[in-house]
Amino acid sequence: GSGKSGKSGGGGFGKSGKSGGGGGGWDPSWGSGKSGKAGWAGGDWGGDWSGGGWCGDYAWVTVTNLSFRQSFSEIFIMTATPEVTWLKPIYVFGERANNALARLAQDADTIEMENRYLNRYGVEQVKTFRSFTTGSFTDTFLSGGSRAKIKVRTSGLGHRLSIAAGLPFTNDGAVVIQGEPIYDGAEYLVPAIDAGVEGNIQTCWSVAAMQNDFPFASECADETKSDLNDNDVPGESFVHMHRGMNDLDNQNDLKDILFFPTCKDLDLDNNNNNDRFVEYFYQVGFDDDLLLCRNFGANCDPRDDQDFLDYLDSQDDLTDDRYVELAMDSADFDDFCDMIDNANKDIDDLFTVLEPWLFDWRNEMMHVEIECGWDDDGWHGDDFHADGWDGSSSSSSSHDNVRFPRS
């Protein structure tokens, strides 16, 4: 789904029979254990641990997409102290999404996420990977079943790992872990979240993926409107667990969400009253006295149609509502009714939706595994030396290609 401010860690379940420890009442995530180390989410590690992460200067992070055809967009990665995501979390369940999460979830774009954390006190490194290469093939998304192996800097302030990626074949889905411990053998299984900023209508024209991104088996691959990424349908207004892809079999499943009630539906098409705007807006759910009434008090004196339009023209905080936008573009109420009919026709012509059998998922979406590298020669001759991760600065951002690990 769009709303906007994020506090919570990403997901993970224990391996080798060990479950993660609790991270406090506000943190619903889970830790993961491997190699005898228990996973953990939120708060400080405790004990005698101080300084950098358990991995010394660098660590390998392997990100695996566990879905069938639901891709990951460009991947944002950050290493930082625990306080960074405590004080400025990527998201908080039950609260409105911040601009960075909304941009990532709706547009598959990490630029606001970078701006949110780059050069912030406590951040060791910020980085975005915008393409993924295996052999001679490069893709903009990390597709289902694929893995990306990435080197991260864990020295200095790099105590904790955060990862965020959008789900481009959804309206506003994402996978996120934030502030998770970095140690050798750590594993995290991460569920998908819904940013709550856009309605989950799953039409070709309302998701971040472009026409060329869709697999040939999807109808959206042949739909010229697939490049629109229209984010206007309002969402749930709070961050929550993603419900997966809805099975929308026909237009009637979306009609109540997308179609404007027509003037005829509300018996206003042949009504000669001069307060029809007020009647229409009240019947579709608006109850703001300042919008509907001339006066202030118990008994509302309805605005006449011209006064209603004049009031809209004087307001700046109502323009993001699609009903208000239509009214402001109309000359009078009859023109408004005609514009509603035309808008519904345009929507009706664009009712191609994404196929759940391709893009749906079950349970966790992302698997994250951490391996420490201990060699003094810079990771035993790996081929990532050219990517700028040389430990030369305390905070950096770049937009790199990442290679898939060879099996």
Foldseek 3Di string as FASTA:
>chain_A
DAFAAFAEFFAFAEDPPAWADEADDQYPHIWYDDPPDHWYIHDDPDDPDDFWAQQAWKWKKKKAFAFFFFWWAKKKKWFFARVLCVVGNCHTFPAAHHPQLRCCALAQDRPVVCVSDFPDPGTQEIEIAQWEDEDHDIDRTQGHGFMFMDMDTTHGSRAFMKMKTYGQQWRGKIWIGPGIGAHAWTKGFGAIKGNFAADGLFFLQQGNDALVSDPPVAPSVVPNNNNNNDRLQGGRRGMGGDPWHDADPDPVVCCVRPAQQACVNVVNLPDPFQQVVLVRVVVVPDDDLLLAAPDDDDDGDGDGFVRNLVSLVVDDVPCSHPLSVLSVPAPTVNRSNVVSVVSNVVVVVRPRGTHRVRNTGDDTGMMMTMRHADDPVPRVDDPCPPVPNPSPDRYDYDHHYTYTDDD
